[in-house]
Each structure stands twice: as structure tokens, then as C-alpha cells.
PDB file of N, CA and C in Angstrom:
ATOM      1  N   MET A   1     119.905-137.385  43.683  1.00  0.00           N
ATOM      2  CA  MET A   1     119.877-138.584  44.521  1.00  0.00           C
ATOM      3  C   MET A   1     118.552-138.610  45.265  1.00  0.00           C
ATOM      4  N   GLY A   2     117.946-139.737  45.334  1.00  0.00           N
ATOM      5  CA  GLY A   2     116.664-139.875  46.013  1.00  0.00           C
ATOM      6  C   GLY A   2     116.778-140.762  47.236  1.00  0.00           C
ATOM      7  N   THR A   3     115.699-140.832  47.963  1.00  0.00           N
ATOM      8  CA  THR A   3     115.624-141.680  49.146  1.00  0.00           C
ATOM      9  C   THR A   3     114.258-142.358  49.197  1.00  0.00           C
ATOM     10  N   ILE A   4     114.157-143.357  50.024  1.00  0.00           N
ATOM     11  CA  ILE A   4     112.881-144.022  50.242  1.00  0.00           C
ATOM     12  C   ILE A   4     112.272-143.460  51.510  1.00  0.00           C
ATOM     13  N   SER A   5     110.999-143.112  51.449  1.00  0.00           N
ATOM     14  CA  SER A   5     110.290-142.573  52.598  1.00  0.00           C
ATOM     15  C   SER A   5     109.035-143.389  52.876  1.00  0.00           C
ATOM     16  N   THR A   6     108.688-143.496  54.146  1.00  0.00           N
ATOM     17  CA  THR A   6     107.454-144.162  54.551  1.00  0.00           C
ATOM     18  C   THR A   6     106.574-143.220  55.362  1.00  0.00           C
ATOM     19  N   LYS A   7     107.008-141.993  55.515  1.00  0.00           N
ATOM     20  CA  LYS A   7     106.344-141.050  56.414  1.00  0.00           C
ATOM     21  C   LYS A   7     104.873-140.855  56.064  1.00  0.00           C
ATOM     22  N   GLY A   8     104.012-141.175  57.020  1.00  0.00           N
ATOM     23  CA  GLY A   8     102.586-140.969  56.888  1.00  0.00           C
ATOM     24  C   GLY A   8     101.851-141.992  56.049  1.00  0.00           C
ATOM     25  N   GLN A   9     102.558-142.891  55.398  1.00  0.00           N
ATOM     26  CA  GLN A   9     101.908-143.839  54.494  1.00  0.00           C
ATOM     27  C   GLN A   9     101.017-144.839  55.236  1.00  0.00           C
ATOM     28  N   ILE A  10     101.441-145.284  56.404  1.00  0.00           N
ATOM     29  CA  ILE A  10     100.642-146.249  57.165  1.00  0.00           C
ATOM     30  C   ILE A  10      99.325-145.601  57.594  1.00  0.00           C
ATOM     31  N   THR A  11      99.379-144.362  58.055  1.00  0.00           N
ATOM     32  CA  THR A  11      98.171-143.652  58.460  1.00  0.00           C
ATOM     33  C   THR A  11      97.207-143.511  57.290  1.00  0.00           C
ATOM     34  N   ILE A  12      97.728-143.190  56.118  1.00  0.00           N
ATOM     35  CA  ILE A  12      96.886-143.061  54.920  1.00  0.00           C
ATOM     36  C   ILE A  12      96.218-144.395  54.598  1.00  0.00           C
ATOM     37  N   LEU A  13      96.989-145.472  54.649  1.00  0.00           N
ATOM     38  CA  LEU A  13      96.443-146.798  54.331  1.00  0.00           C
ATOM     39  C   LEU A  13      95.410-147.252  55.357  1.00  0.00           C
ATOM     40  N   ILE A  14      95.635-146.939  56.629  1.00  0.00           N
ATOM     41  CA  ILE A  14      94.652-147.260  57.663  1.00  0.00           C
ATOM     42  C   ILE A  14      93.370-146.483  57.396  1.00  0.00           C
ATOM     43  N   GLY A  15      93.498-145.221  57.035  1.00  0.00           N
ATOM     44  CA  GLY A  15      92.325-144.401  56.720  1.00  0.00           C
ATOM     45  C   GLY A  15      91.536-144.956  55.550  1.00  0.00           C
ATOM     46  N   LYS A  16      92.225-145.413  54.514  1.00  0.00           N
ATOM     47  CA  LYS A  16      91.548-146.008  53.362  1.00  0.00           C
ATOM     48  C   LYS A  16      90.815-147.280  53.764  1.00  0.00           C
ATOM     49  N   ARG A  17      91.443-148.084  54.604  1.00  0.00           N
ATOM     50  CA  ARG A  17      90.793-149.323  55.052  1.00  0.00           C
ATOM     51  C   ARG A  17      89.570-149.006  55.900  1.00  0.00           C
ATOM     52  N   GLN A  18      89.680-148.005  56.776  1.00  0.00           N
ATOM     53  CA  GLN A  18      88.546-147.617  57.605  1.00  0.00           C
ATOM     54  C   GLN A  18      87.389-147.119  56.744  1.00  0.00           C
ATOM     55  N   ALA A  19      87.700-146.351  55.697  1.00  0.00           N
ATOM     56  CA  ALA A  19      86.654-145.846  54.805  1.00  0.00           C
ATOM     57  C   ALA A  19      85.965-146.985  54.067  1.00  0.00           C
ATOM     58  N   ALA A  20      86.727-147.994  53.690  1.00  0.00           N
ATOM     59  CA  ALA A  20      86.171-149.114  52.929  1.00  0.00           C
ATOM     60  C   ALA A  20      85.368-150.075  53.794  1.00  0.00           C
ATOM     61  N   THR A  21      85.851-150.323  55.018  1.00  0.00           N
ATOM     62  CA  THR A  21      85.220-151.349  55.858  1.00  0.00           C
ATOM     63  C   THR A  21      84.405-150.787  57.016  1.00  0.00           C
ATOM     64  N   GLY A  22      84.663-149.547  57.388  1.00  0.00           N
ATOM     65  CA  GLY A  22      84.004-148.974  58.553  1.00  0.00           C
ATOM     66  C   GLY A  22      84.637-149.407  59.857  1.00  0.00           C
ATOM     67  N   GLU A  23      85.662-150.238  59.777  1.00  0.00           N
ATOM     68  CA  GLU A  23      86.359-150.760  60.954  1.00  0.00           C
ATOM     69  C   GLU A  23      87.466-149.798  61.374  1.00  0.00           C
ATOM     70  N   ARG A  24      87.400-149.331  62.614  1.00  0.00           N
ATOM     71  CA  ARG A  24      88.435-148.435  63.118  1.00  0.00           C
ATOM     72  C   ARG A  24      89.678-149.241  63.472  1.00  0.00           C
ATOM     73  N   MET A  25      90.835-148.649  63.184  1.00  0.00           N
ATOM     74  CA  MET A  25      92.096-149.339  63.462  1.00  0.00           C
ATOM     75  C   MET A  25      93.139-148.309  63.880  1.00  0.00           C
ATOM     76  N   SER A  26      93.898-148.638  64.906  1.00  0.00           N
ATOM     77  CA  SER A  26      95.010-147.789  65.339  1.00  0.00           C
ATOM     78  C   SER A  26      96.316-148.422  64.883  1.00  0.00           C
ATOM     79  N   LEU A  27      97.398-147.680  65.017  1.00  0.00           N
ATOM     80  CA  LEU A  27      98.708-148.241  64.681  1.00  0.00           C
ATOM     81  C   LEU A  27      99.005-149.456  65.550  1.00  0.00           C
ATOM     82  N   ARG A  28      98.635-149.364  66.813  1.00  0.00           N
ATOM     83  CA  ARG A  28      98.873-150.480  67.749  1.00  0.00           C
ATOM     84  C   ARG A  28      98.071-151.717  67.347  1.00  0.00           C
ATOM     85  N   SER A  29      96.793-151.529  67.007  1.00  0.00           N
ATOM     86  CA  SER A  29      95.982-152.691  66.625  1.00  0.00           C
ATOM     87  C   SER A  29      96.444-153.268  65.288  1.00  0.00           C
ATOM     88  N   LEU A  30      96.918-152.421  64.380  1.00  0.00           N
ATOM     89  CA  LEU A  30      97.484-152.912  63.129  1.00  0.00           C
ATOM     90  C   LEU A  30      98.662-153.832  63.413  1.00  0.00           C
ATOM     91  N   ALA A  31      99.538-153.411  64.311  1.00  0.00           N
ATOM     92  CA  ALA A  31     100.706-154.227  64.666  1.00  0.00           C
ATOM     93  C   ALA A  31     100.269-155.569  65.244  1.00  0.00           C
ATOM     94  N   GLU A  32      99.253-155.561  66.098  1.00  0.00           N
ATOM     95  CA  GLU A  32      98.775-156.812  66.694  1.00  0.00           C
ATOM     96  C   GLU A  32      98.171-157.734  65.641  1.00  0.00           C
ATOM     97  N   ILE A  33      97.329-157.190  64.756  1.00  0.00           N
ATOM     98  CA  ILE A  33      96.673-158.005  63.734  1.00  0.00           C
ATOM     99  C   ILE A  33      97.702-158.575  62.758  1.00  0.00           C
ATOM    100  N   ALA A  34      98.678-157.751  62.364  1.00  0.00           N
ATOM    101  CA  ALA A  34      99.697-158.183  61.400  1.00  0.00           C
ATOM    102  C   ALA A  34     100.808-159.001  62.048  1.00  0.00           C
ATOM    103  N   ALA A  35     100.818-159.081  63.356  1.00  0.00           N
ATOM    104  CA  ALA A  35     101.844-159.817  64.106  1.00  0.00           C
ATOM    105  C   ALA A  35     103.246-159.273  63.815  1.00  0.00           C
ATOM    106  N   VAL A  36     103.369-157.945  63.904  1.00  0.00           N
ATOM    107  CA  VAL A  36     104.664-157.279  63.754  1.00  0.00           C
ATOM    108  C   VAL A  36     104.885-156.402  64.984  1.00  0.00           C
ATOM    109  N   PRO A  37     106.133-156.073  65.295  1.00  0.00           N
ATOM    110  CA  PRO A  37     106.386-155.216  66.453  1.00  0.00           C
ATOM    111  C   PRO A  37     105.745-153.841  66.284  1.00  0.00           C
ATOM    112  N   LYS A  38     105.090-153.365  67.344  1.00  0.00           N
ATOM    113  CA  LYS A  38     104.429-152.061  67.256  1.00  0.00           C
ATOM    114  C   LYS A  38     105.442-150.945  67.017  1.00  0.00           C
ATOM    115  N   ASP A  39     106.661-151.102  67.530  1.00  0.00           N
ATOM    116  CA  ASP A  39     107.690-150.088  67.296  1.00  0.00           C
ATOM    117  C   ASP A  39     107.995-149.942  65.812  1.00  0.00           C
ATOM    118  N   LEU A  40     107.964-151.044  65.073  1.00  0.00           N
ATOM    119  CA  LEU A  40     108.199-150.989  63.636  1.00  0.00           C
ATOM    120  C   LEU A  40     107.112-150.179  62.946  1.00  0.00           C
ATOM    121  N   VAL A  41     105.858-150.415  63.318  1.00  0.00           N
ATOM    122  CA  VAL A  41     104.743-149.687  62.706  1.00  0.00           C
ATOM    123  C   VAL A  41     104.864-148.193  63.002  1.00  0.00           C
ATOM    124  N   TYR A  42     105.172-147.841  64.236  1.00  0.00           N
ATOM    125  CA  TYR A  42     105.321-146.432  64.605  1.00  0.00           C
ATOM    126  C   TYR A  42     106.495-145.789  63.858  1.00  0.00           C
ATOM    127  N   ARG A  43     107.627-146.502  63.762  1.00  0.00           N
ATOM    128  CA  ARG A  43     108.794-145.948  63.047  1.00  0.00           C
ATOM    129  C   ARG A  43     108.515-145.800  61.556  1.00  0.00           C
ATOM    130  N   LEU A  44     107.839-146.771  60.961  1.00  0.00           N
ATOM    131  CA  LEU A  44     107.476-146.653  59.548  1.00  0.00           C
ATOM    132  C   LEU A  44     106.590-145.439  59.314  1.00  0.00           C
ATOM    133  N   ASP A  45     105.576-145.271  60.149  1.00  0.00           N
ATOM    134  CA  ASP A  45     104.649-144.158  59.954  1.00  0.00           C
ATOM    135  C   ASP A  45     105.325-142.811  60.182  1.00  0.00           C
ATOM    136  N   ALA A  46     106.306-142.774  61.063  1.00  0.00           N
ATOM    137  CA  ALA A  46     107.045-141.533  61.321  1.00  0.00           C
ATOM    138  C   ALA A  46     108.133-141.284  60.280  1.00  0.00           C
ATOM    139  N   GLY A  47     108.381-142.274  59.425  1.00  0.00           N
ATOM    140  CA  GLY A  47     109.432-142.135  58.426  1.00  0.00           C
ATOM    141  C   GLY A  47     110.819-142.284  59.007  1.00  0.00           C
ATOM    142  N   GLN A  48     110.938-142.993  60.131  1.00  0.00           N
ATOM    143  CA  GLN A  48     112.214-143.114  60.823  1.00  0.00           C
ATOM    144  C   GLN A  48     112.777-144.530  60.841  1.00  0.00           C
ATOM    145  N   ALA A  49     112.159-145.449  60.098  1.00  0.00           N
ATOM    146  CA  ALA A  49     112.664-146.828  60.068  1.00  0.00           C
ATOM    147  C   ALA A  49     113.953-146.881  59.260  1.00  0.00           C
ATOM    148  N   ARG A  50     114.981-147.496  59.799  1.00  0.00           N
ATOM    149  CA  ARG A  50     116.268-147.627  59.114  1.00  0.00           C
ATOM    150  C   ARG A  50     116.281-148.841  58.191  1.00  0.00           C
ATOM    151  N   TYR A  51     115.587-149.895  58.598  1.00  0.00           N
ATOM    152  CA  TYR A  51     115.492-151.092  57.774  1.00  0.00           C
ATOM    153  C   TYR A  51     114.122-151.713  58.033  1.00  0.00           C
ATOM    154  N   VAL A  52     113.673-152.526  57.107  1.00  0.00           N
ATOM    155  CA  VAL A  52     112.373-153.173  57.237  1.00  0.00           C
ATOM    156  C   VAL A  52     112.533-154.648  56.894  1.00  0.00           C
ATOM    157  N   ASP A  53     112.111-155.502  57.793  1.00  0.00           N
ATOM    158  CA  ASP A  53     112.083-156.934  57.534  1.00  0.00           C
ATOM    159  C   ASP A  53     111.018-157.184  56.460  1.00  0.00           C
ATOM    160  N   LEU A  54     111.396-157.831  55.373  1.00  0.00           N
ATOM    161  CA  LEU A  54     110.474-158.037  54.261  1.00  0.00           C
ATOM    162  C   LEU A  54     109.271-158.890  54.652  1.00  0.00           C
ATOM    163  N   HIS A  55     109.451-159.820  55.566  1.00  0.00           N
ATOM    164  CA  HIS A  55     108.330-160.633  56.027  1.00  0.00           C
ATOM    165  C   HIS A  55     107.346-159.771  56.815  1.00  0.00           C
ATOM    166  N   ALA A  56     107.859-158.859  57.637  1.00  0.00           N
ATOM    167  CA  ALA A  56     106.995-157.947  58.388  1.00  0.00           C
ATOM    168  C   ALA A  56     106.255-157.004  57.434  1.00  0.00           C
ATOM    169  N   LEU A  57     106.959-156.507  56.417  1.00  0.00           N
ATOM    170  CA  LEU A  57     106.319-155.637  55.426  1.00  0.00           C
ATOM    171  C   LEU A  57     105.218-156.399  54.693  1.00  0.00           C
ATOM    172  N   ALA A  58     105.463-157.654  54.353  1.00  0.00           N
ATOM    173  CA  ALA A  58     104.452-158.468  53.681  1.00  0.00           C
ATOM    174  C   ALA A  58     103.225-158.670  54.563  1.00  0.00           C
ATOM    175  N   ARG A  59     103.440-158.909  55.864  1.00  0.00           N
ATOM    176  CA  ARG A  59     102.303-159.081  56.781  1.00  0.00           C
ATOM    177  C   ARG A  59     101.504-157.789  56.911  1.00  0.00           C
ATOM    178  N   LEU A  60     102.195-156.641  56.960  1.00  0.00           N
ATOM    179  CA  LEU A  60     101.489-155.354  57.004  1.00  0.00           C
ATOM    180  C   LEU A  60     100.668-155.146  55.732  1.00  0.00           C
ATOM    181  N   CYS A  61     101.261-155.439  54.597  1.00  0.00           N
ATOM    182  CA  CYS A  61     100.564-155.265  53.318  1.00  0.00           C
ATOM    183  C   CYS A  61      99.367-156.199  53.207  1.00  0.00           C
ATOM    184  N   ASN A  62      99.502-157.437  53.669  1.00  0.00           N
ATOM    185  CA  ASN A  62      98.368-158.365  53.654  1.00  0.00           C
ATOM    186  C   ASN A  62      97.238-157.855  54.535  1.00  0.00           C
ATOM    187  N   THR A  63      97.576-157.321  55.694  1.00  0.00           N
ATOM    188  CA  THR A  63      96.565-156.812  56.621  1.00  0.00           C
ATOM    189  C   THR A  63      95.865-155.584  56.047  1.00  0.00           C
ATOM    190  N   LEU A  64      96.627-154.699  55.391  1.00  0.00           N
ATOM    191  CA  LEU A  64      96.064-153.461  54.848  1.00  0.00           C
ATOM    192  C   LEU A  64      95.563-153.615  53.406  1.00  0.00           C
ATOM    193  N   HIS A  65      95.724-154.796  52.844  1.00  0.00           N
ATOM    194  CA  HIS A  65      95.316-155.055  51.450  1.00  0.00           C
ATOM    195  C   HIS A  65      95.949-154.031  50.503  1.00  0.00           C
ATOM    196  N   CYS A  66      97.272-153.945  50.579  1.00  0.00           N
ATOM    197  CA  CYS A  66      98.007-152.999  49.739  1.00  0.00           C
ATOM    198  C   CYS A  66      99.279-153.662  49.229  1.00  0.00           C
ATOM    199  N   ARG A  67     100.050-152.922  48.469  1.00  0.00           N
ATOM    200  CA  ARG A  67     101.333-153.383  47.950  1.00  0.00           C
ATOM    201  C   ARG A  67     102.457-152.697  48.711  1.00  0.00           C
ATOM    202  N   ALA A  68     103.639-153.272  48.628  1.00  0.00           N
ATOM    203  CA  ALA A  68     104.806-152.661  49.276  1.00  0.00           C
ATOM    204  C   ALA A  68     105.047-151.253  48.735  1.00  0.00           C
ATOM    205  N   SER A  69     104.745-151.038  47.460  1.00  0.00           N
ATOM    206  CA  SER A  69     104.950-149.704  46.861  1.00  0.00           C
ATOM    207  C   SER A  69     103.985-148.669  47.429  1.00  0.00           C
ATOM    208  N   ASP A  70     102.913-149.104  48.110  1.00  0.00           N
ATOM    209  CA  ASP A  70     102.010-148.165  48.773  1.00  0.00           C
ATOM    210  C   ASP A  70     102.607-147.675  50.087  1.00  0.00           C
ATOM    211  N   VAL A  71     103.502-148.459  50.662  1.00  0.00           N
ATOM    212  CA  VAL A  71     104.148-148.099  51.931  1.00  0.00           C
ATOM    213  C   VAL A  71     105.477-147.390  51.673  1.00  0.00           C
ATOM    214  N   LEU A  72     106.257-147.923  50.744  1.00  0.00           N
ATOM    215  CA  LEU A  72     107.582-147.383  50.444  1.00  0.00           C
ATOM    216  C   LEU A  72     107.493-146.429  49.259  1.00  0.00           C
ATOM    217  N   LYS A  73     107.797-145.167  49.466  1.00  0.00           N
ATOM    218  CA  LYS A  73     107.723-144.162  48.404  1.00  0.00           C
ATOM    219  C   LYS A  73     109.123-143.629  48.096  1.00  0.00           C
ATOM    220  N   TRP A  74     109.435-143.529  46.812  1.00  0.00           N
ATOM    221  CA  TRP A  74     110.705-142.968  46.361  1.00  0.00           C
ATOM    222  C   TRP A  74     110.567-141.455  46.308  1.00  0.00           C
ATOM    223  N   VAL A  75     111.496-140.741  46.961  1.00  0.00           N
ATOM    224  CA  VAL A  75     111.469-139.284  47.002  1.00  0.00           C
ATOM    225  C   VAL A  75     112.712-138.762  46.295  1.00  0.00           C
ATOM    226  N   GLU A  76     112.509-138.019  45.228  1.00  0.00           N
ATOM    227  CA  GLU A  76     113.609-137.411  44.465  1.00  0.00           C
ATOM    228  C   GLU A  76     113.968-136.057  45.072  1.00  0.00           C
ATOM    229  N   GLU A  77     115.248-135.758  45.101  1.00  0.00           N
ATOM    230  CA  GLU A  77     115.711-134.446  45.529  1.00  0.00           C
ATOM    231  C   GLU A  77     116.148-133.673  44.298  1.00  0.00           C
ATOM    232  N   LYS A  78     115.568-132.495  44.121  1.00  0.00           N
ATOM    233  CA  LYS A  78     115.915-131.648  42.980  1.00  0.00           C
ATOM    234  C   LYS A  78     116.281-130.261  43.480  1.00  0.00           C
ATOM    235  N   ASP A  79     117.505-129.841  43.236  1.00  0.00           N
ATOM    236  CA  ASP A  79     117.975-128.496  43.602  1.00  0.00           C
ATOM    237  C   ASP A  79     117.673-128.148  45.056  1.00  0.00           C
ATOM    238  N   GLY A  80     117.962-129.077  45.957  1.00  0.00           N
ATOM    239  CA  GLY A  80     117.785-128.819  47.374  1.00  0.00           C
ATOM    240  C   GLY A  80     116.355-129.035  47.851  1.00  0.00           C
ATOM    241  N   CYS A  81     115.426-129.306  46.958  1.00  0.00           N
ATOM    242  CA  CYS A  81     114.034-129.548  47.327  1.00  0.00           C
ATOM    243  C   CYS A  81     113.730-131.028  47.174  1.00  0.00           C
ATOM    244  N   THR A  82     112.766-131.514  47.920  1.00  0.00           N
ATOM    245  CA  THR A  82     112.360-132.891  47.742  1.00  0.00           C
ATOM    246  C   THR A  82     110.978-132.917  47.123  1.00  0.00           C
ATOM    247  N   SER A  83     110.777-133.815  46.202  1.00  0.00           N
ATOM    248  CA  SER A  83     109.464-133.992  45.612  1.00  0.00           C
ATOM    249  C   SER A  83     109.175-135.483  45.564  1.00  0.00           C
ATOM    250  N   GLN A  84     107.941-135.844  45.854  1.00  0.00           N
ATOM    251  CA  GLN A  84     107.598-137.253  45.890  1.00  0.00           C
ATOM    252  C   GLN A  84     107.277-137.740  44.493  1.00  0.00           C
ATOM    253  N   SER A  85     107.924-138.820  44.128  1.00  0.00           N
ATOM    254  CA  SER A  85     107.729-139.418  42.820  1.00  0.00           C
ATOM    255  C   SER A  85     106.879-140.661  42.972  1.00  0.00           C
ATOM    256  N   LEU A  86     105.820-140.792  42.195  1.00  0.00           N
ATOM    257  CA  LEU A  86     104.963-141.978  42.278  1.00  0.00           C
ATOM    258  C   LEU A  86     105.337-142.957  41.271  1.00  0.00           C
TER     259      LEU A  86
END
């Protein structure tokens, strides 16, 4: 049985955007630019979001120039261990 994880994905995507554009961005500024609640961005990055509004996810993806699959990762559990499946 697997689960969906978002842990650390927002930070990775912000880092990629900063490398490409040179523009520094924090989780808080991402939330402001994407017009989503900052608590949602923090919970997504911590991997603690219970649900995600699809419109908010779309706004985050538009701001970060990524796909939903870059934020939402499927994690397989094998013999008590978890491994990330791409």
C-alpha cells in the first residue's frame, strides 16, 4: 500500500526556480504570489497536508512553473520500508 507525500517538494521547486531566475522566494512569498493560504504551503512542504484544494494546487504550480506530479509524490511501502516511486 502506498501513500501520497508532499514533504520537501515545495522547497525543492522553490530552489529550482531560484536557480533559474535568480529571484529569491520564501514559502510565505510563494503563498502571497500564488494567492493561497500560507498555512497550506507550510503544511504541504512539511508533508502534513490532509487535503489540497485543486484550485490552490493549480495556482502553486502556475507560480512555480511545474506540474501537480512535481508536488504530489507517490510513496510505495515495501516490507515495512518506504521508497519513493517516480
